Amino acid sequence: MSDGKILKICEKGHKYYKSSDCRSCPTCDKENKPKSGFLSKLSSPARNALIHEGIQTLEELSSYTEKEILKFHGIGPASIPVLKASLEEEGLSFKD
């Protein structure tokens, strides 16, 4: 492809194009998306970033500051309101 994207193939055989060295397969991401819970409300990059950091529950998320979360590759400013709302629903918040 001329736009700098490289053909990649995941371990399950799905073909996709990426311009970065990110190995996240879009097809696998859709197949693995949770049906419920706060992780289901996030984009694949944001969800993968949290899982990569070992954050799979709101209690684990609440032990981080917003700034710490924003430093994770895959988390952008658009994810913060979703995460805050999920935390607030359970009476939790980001660490100060």
N, C-alpha and C. Protein backbone atom coordinates (compact mmCIF):
# COMPACT_ATOMS: atom_id res chain seq x y z
N MET A 1 0.85 -1.20 0.00
CA MET A 1 0.00 0.00 0.00
C MET A 1 0.88 1.24 0.00
N SER A 2 0.42 2.27 -0.62
CA SER A 2 1.23 3.47 -0.76
C SER A 2 1.10 4.43 0.41
N ASP A 3 0.15 4.24 1.29
CA ASP A 3 -0.03 5.17 2.40
C ASP A 3 0.80 4.79 3.63
N GLY A 4 1.81 3.97 3.45
CA GLY A 4 2.70 3.61 4.54
C GLY A 4 2.23 2.46 5.39
N LYS A 5 1.12 1.87 5.03
CA LYS A 5 0.61 0.75 5.82
C LYS A 5 1.20 -0.55 5.30
N ILE A 6 1.47 -1.44 6.23
CA ILE A 6 2.10 -2.72 5.93
C ILE A 6 1.11 -3.83 6.21
N LEU A 7 1.04 -4.78 5.28
CA LEU A 7 0.19 -5.95 5.49
C LEU A 7 0.75 -6.80 6.62
N LYS A 8 -0.11 -7.12 7.57
CA LYS A 8 0.27 -7.97 8.69
C LYS A 8 -0.71 -9.12 8.77
N ILE A 9 -0.28 -10.21 9.36
CA ILE A 9 -1.14 -11.37 9.56
C ILE A 9 -0.99 -11.80 11.01
N CYS A 10 -2.12 -11.89 11.72
CA CYS A 10 -2.07 -12.28 13.13
C CYS A 10 -1.89 -13.79 13.25
N GLU A 11 -1.71 -14.26 14.46
CA GLU A 11 -1.48 -15.69 14.68
C GLU A 11 -2.70 -16.54 14.32
N LYS A 12 -3.87 -15.91 14.22
CA LYS A 12 -5.07 -16.65 13.80
C LYS A 12 -5.27 -16.62 12.29
N GLY A 13 -4.39 -15.90 11.58
CA GLY A 13 -4.46 -15.84 10.13
C GLY A 13 -5.23 -14.67 9.56
N HIS A 14 -5.70 -13.75 10.41
CA HIS A 14 -6.41 -12.57 9.92
C HIS A 14 -5.41 -11.61 9.28
N LYS A 15 -5.77 -11.05 8.12
CA LYS A 15 -4.91 -10.09 7.43
C LYS A 15 -5.42 -8.69 7.71
N TYR A 16 -4.50 -7.76 7.97
CA TYR A 16 -4.85 -6.36 8.22
C TYR A 16 -3.65 -5.49 7.90
N TYR A 17 -3.90 -4.19 7.72
CA TYR A 17 -2.84 -3.24 7.41
C TYR A 17 -2.65 -2.29 8.59
N LYS A 18 -1.39 -2.01 8.90
CA LYS A 18 -1.06 -1.05 9.97
C LYS A 18 0.15 -0.24 9.53
N SER A 19 0.18 1.02 9.91
CA SER A 19 1.34 1.86 9.61
C SER A 19 2.32 1.89 10.79
N SER A 20 1.87 1.44 11.95
CA SER A 20 2.74 1.41 13.13
C SER A 20 3.18 -0.03 13.40
N ASP A 21 4.00 -0.21 14.42
CA ASP A 21 4.43 -1.56 14.77
C ASP A 21 3.47 -2.24 15.75
N CYS A 22 2.31 -1.62 15.95
CA CYS A 22 1.28 -2.21 16.80
C CYS A 22 0.82 -3.53 16.19
N ARG A 23 0.78 -4.58 17.01
CA ARG A 23 0.41 -5.90 16.50
C ARG A 23 -1.03 -6.28 16.84
N SER A 24 -1.83 -5.31 17.21
CA SER A 24 -3.21 -5.57 17.57
C SER A 24 -4.03 -5.82 16.31
N CYS A 25 -4.61 -7.00 16.19
CA CYS A 25 -5.41 -7.38 15.03
C CYS A 25 -6.85 -6.87 15.22
N PRO A 26 -7.36 -6.07 14.28
CA PRO A 26 -8.73 -5.55 14.42
C PRO A 26 -9.79 -6.64 14.50
N THR A 27 -9.62 -7.71 13.76
CA THR A 27 -10.60 -8.80 13.78
C THR A 27 -10.60 -9.49 15.14
N CYS A 28 -9.42 -9.80 15.65
CA CYS A 28 -9.32 -10.43 16.98
C CYS A 28 -9.87 -9.50 18.06
N ASP A 29 -9.59 -8.19 17.93
CA ASP A 29 -10.09 -7.23 18.91
C ASP A 29 -11.61 -7.25 18.97
N LYS A 30 -12.27 -7.33 17.81
CA LYS A 30 -13.73 -7.38 17.78
C LYS A 30 -14.24 -8.68 18.40
N GLU A 31 -13.56 -9.79 18.10
CA GLU A 31 -13.97 -11.09 18.64
C GLU A 31 -13.80 -11.15 20.15
N ASN A 32 -12.79 -10.45 20.67
CA ASN A 32 -12.47 -10.51 22.10
C ASN A 32 -13.12 -9.40 22.92
N LYS A 33 -13.88 -8.52 22.29
CA LYS A 33 -14.49 -7.41 23.01
C LYS A 33 -15.48 -7.95 24.04
N PRO A 34 -15.34 -7.51 25.30
CA PRO A 34 -16.28 -7.96 26.33
C PRO A 34 -17.70 -7.47 26.02
N LYS A 35 -18.67 -8.25 26.44
CA LYS A 35 -20.08 -7.91 26.21
C LYS A 35 -20.60 -6.91 27.24
N SER A 36 -19.97 -6.86 28.40
CA SER A 36 -20.41 -5.95 29.44
C SER A 36 -19.21 -5.48 30.26
N GLY A 37 -19.47 -4.58 31.19
CA GLY A 37 -18.41 -4.06 32.03
C GLY A 37 -17.75 -2.84 31.41
N PHE A 38 -16.92 -2.17 32.17
CA PHE A 38 -16.34 -0.92 31.71
C PHE A 38 -15.41 -1.10 30.52
N LEU A 39 -14.75 -2.25 30.41
CA LEU A 39 -13.86 -2.47 29.27
C LEU A 39 -14.63 -2.53 27.96
N SER A 40 -15.90 -2.93 28.01
CA SER A 40 -16.72 -3.02 26.79
C SER A 40 -17.06 -1.63 26.23
N LYS A 41 -16.92 -0.60 27.04
CA LYS A 41 -17.26 0.76 26.63
C LYS A 41 -16.09 1.48 25.95
N LEU A 42 -14.92 0.86 25.95
CA LEU A 42 -13.72 1.51 25.44
C LEU A 42 -13.38 1.06 24.02
N SER A 43 -12.60 1.88 23.34
CA SER A 43 -12.07 1.49 22.03
C SER A 43 -11.08 0.34 22.24
N SER A 44 -10.83 -0.38 21.18
CA SER A 44 -9.88 -1.50 21.27
C SER A 44 -8.50 -1.07 21.76
N PRO A 45 -7.92 0.04 21.23
CA PRO A 45 -6.60 0.44 21.73
C PRO A 45 -6.60 0.76 23.23
N ALA A 46 -7.64 1.44 23.69
CA ALA A 46 -7.72 1.78 25.12
C ALA A 46 -7.90 0.52 25.97
N ARG A 47 -8.78 -0.35 25.53
CA ARG A 47 -9.01 -1.61 26.26
C ARG A 47 -7.72 -2.43 26.32
N ASN A 48 -7.05 -2.56 25.19
CA ASN A 48 -5.81 -3.33 25.15
C ASN A 48 -4.73 -2.71 26.03
N ALA A 49 -4.68 -1.38 26.08
CA ALA A 49 -3.69 -0.70 26.92
C ALA A 49 -3.89 -1.05 28.39
N LEU A 50 -5.15 -1.01 28.84
CA LEU A 50 -5.43 -1.31 30.24
C LEU A 50 -5.13 -2.78 30.55
N ILE A 51 -5.55 -3.67 29.67
CA ILE A 51 -5.30 -5.10 29.89
C ILE A 51 -3.80 -5.37 29.92
N HIS A 52 -3.06 -4.72 29.01
CA HIS A 52 -1.60 -4.88 28.97
C HIS A 52 -0.96 -4.45 30.28
N GLU A 53 -1.55 -3.44 30.92
CA GLU A 53 -1.02 -2.95 32.20
C GLU A 53 -1.58 -3.73 33.39
N GLY A 54 -2.40 -4.74 33.12
CA GLY A 54 -2.93 -5.57 34.20
C GLY A 54 -4.16 -4.99 34.87
N ILE A 55 -4.82 -4.05 34.21
CA ILE A 55 -6.01 -3.40 34.77
C ILE A 55 -7.24 -4.00 34.12
N GLN A 56 -7.97 -4.80 34.91
CA GLN A 56 -9.18 -5.43 34.37
C GLN A 56 -10.41 -5.19 35.23
N THR A 57 -10.22 -4.51 36.35
CA THR A 57 -11.36 -4.18 37.21
C THR A 57 -11.33 -2.68 37.53
N LEU A 58 -12.47 -2.16 37.93
CA LEU A 58 -12.53 -0.75 38.33
C LEU A 58 -11.72 -0.49 39.59
N GLU A 59 -11.65 -1.49 40.47
CA GLU A 59 -10.85 -1.34 41.68
C GLU A 59 -9.37 -1.16 41.31
N GLU A 60 -8.90 -1.95 40.34
CA GLU A 60 -7.52 -1.80 39.88
C GLU A 60 -7.31 -0.44 39.22
N LEU A 61 -8.29 -0.01 38.42
CA LEU A 61 -8.21 1.29 37.75
C LEU A 61 -8.13 2.43 38.76
N SER A 62 -8.86 2.31 39.86
CA SER A 62 -8.92 3.38 40.85
C SER A 62 -7.61 3.58 41.60
N SER A 63 -6.65 2.69 41.41
CA SER A 63 -5.35 2.86 42.08
C SER A 63 -4.38 3.68 41.24
N TYR A 64 -4.85 4.21 40.12
CA TYR A 64 -4.04 5.04 39.22
C TYR A 64 -4.60 6.45 39.16
N THR A 65 -3.72 7.42 38.86
CA THR A 65 -4.16 8.79 38.59
C THR A 65 -4.54 8.90 37.12
N GLU A 66 -5.28 9.95 36.78
CA GLU A 66 -5.61 10.19 35.37
C GLU A 66 -4.34 10.34 34.54
N LYS A 67 -3.36 11.06 35.08
CA LYS A 67 -2.11 11.28 34.34
C LYS A 67 -1.39 9.97 34.07
N GLU A 68 -1.40 9.06 35.03
CA GLU A 68 -0.75 7.77 34.83
C GLU A 68 -1.46 6.99 33.71
N ILE A 69 -2.79 7.01 33.72
CA ILE A 69 -3.56 6.29 32.71
C ILE A 69 -3.31 6.87 31.32
N LEU A 70 -3.25 8.20 31.23
CA LEU A 70 -3.03 8.85 29.94
C LEU A 70 -1.66 8.55 29.34
N LYS A 71 -0.72 8.11 30.15
CA LYS A 71 0.61 7.78 29.64
C LYS A 71 0.65 6.42 28.94
N PHE A 72 -0.37 5.59 29.14
CA PHE A 72 -0.39 4.27 28.51
C PHE A 72 -0.63 4.42 27.01
N HIS A 73 0.15 3.72 26.22
CA HIS A 73 -0.03 3.72 24.76
C HIS A 73 -1.40 3.13 24.43
N GLY A 74 -2.22 3.91 23.73
CA GLY A 74 -3.56 3.45 23.37
C GLY A 74 -4.66 4.19 24.11
N ILE A 75 -4.28 4.90 25.18
CA ILE A 75 -5.26 5.68 25.94
C ILE A 75 -5.17 7.13 25.49
N GLY A 76 -6.31 7.69 25.10
CA GLY A 76 -6.36 9.09 24.72
C GLY A 76 -7.33 9.85 25.60
N PRO A 77 -7.38 11.16 25.43
CA PRO A 77 -8.27 11.99 26.26
C PRO A 77 -9.73 11.57 26.17
N ALA A 78 -10.17 11.01 25.06
CA ALA A 78 -11.57 10.60 24.91
C ALA A 78 -11.93 9.44 25.83
N SER A 79 -10.95 8.68 26.27
CA SER A 79 -11.22 7.54 27.15
C SER A 79 -11.49 7.96 28.59
N ILE A 80 -10.95 9.10 29.00
CA ILE A 80 -11.04 9.51 30.41
C ILE A 80 -12.48 9.71 30.87
N PRO A 81 -13.34 10.43 30.13
CA PRO A 81 -14.73 10.58 30.60
C PRO A 81 -15.46 9.24 30.76
N VAL A 82 -15.19 8.30 29.86
CA VAL A 82 -15.81 6.98 29.94
C VAL A 82 -15.33 6.26 31.20
N LEU A 83 -14.03 6.35 31.46
CA LEU A 83 -13.47 5.70 32.64
C LEU A 83 -13.97 6.36 33.93
N LYS A 84 -14.02 7.69 33.95
CA LYS A 84 -14.52 8.41 35.13
C LYS A 84 -15.95 8.02 35.44
N ALA A 85 -16.80 7.98 34.41
CA ALA A 85 -18.21 7.64 34.61
C ALA A 85 -18.34 6.22 35.14
N SER A 86 -17.54 5.30 34.61
CA SER A 86 -17.59 3.91 35.09
C SER A 86 -17.17 3.82 36.54
N LEU A 87 -16.12 4.55 36.89
CA LEU A 87 -15.66 4.57 38.29
C LEU A 87 -16.75 5.14 39.20
N GLU A 88 -17.34 6.27 38.79
CA GLU A 88 -18.36 6.94 39.61
C GLU A 88 -19.57 6.06 39.84
N GLU A 89 -19.94 5.27 38.83
CA GLU A 89 -21.09 4.36 38.98
C GLU A 89 -20.88 3.37 40.12
N GLU A 90 -19.63 3.08 40.43
CA GLU A 90 -19.30 2.12 41.51
C GLU A 90 -18.80 2.83 42.76
N GLY A 91 -18.96 4.16 42.81
CA GLY A 91 -18.53 4.92 43.99
C GLY A 91 -17.02 5.04 44.09
N LEU A 92 -16.33 4.92 42.97
CA LEU A 92 -14.87 5.00 42.93
C LEU A 92 -14.42 6.21 42.15
N SER A 93 -13.12 6.49 42.19
CA SER A 93 -12.55 7.58 41.41
C SER A 93 -11.08 7.29 41.16
N PHE A 94 -10.49 8.09 40.28
CA PHE A 94 -9.04 7.97 40.08
C PHE A 94 -8.32 8.39 41.35
N LYS A 95 -7.14 7.87 41.54
CA LYS A 95 -6.30 8.24 42.67
C LYS A 95 -5.92 9.73 42.50
N ASP A 96 -5.85 10.46 43.62
CA ASP A 96 -5.47 11.87 43.57
C ASP A 96 -3.99 12.04 43.34
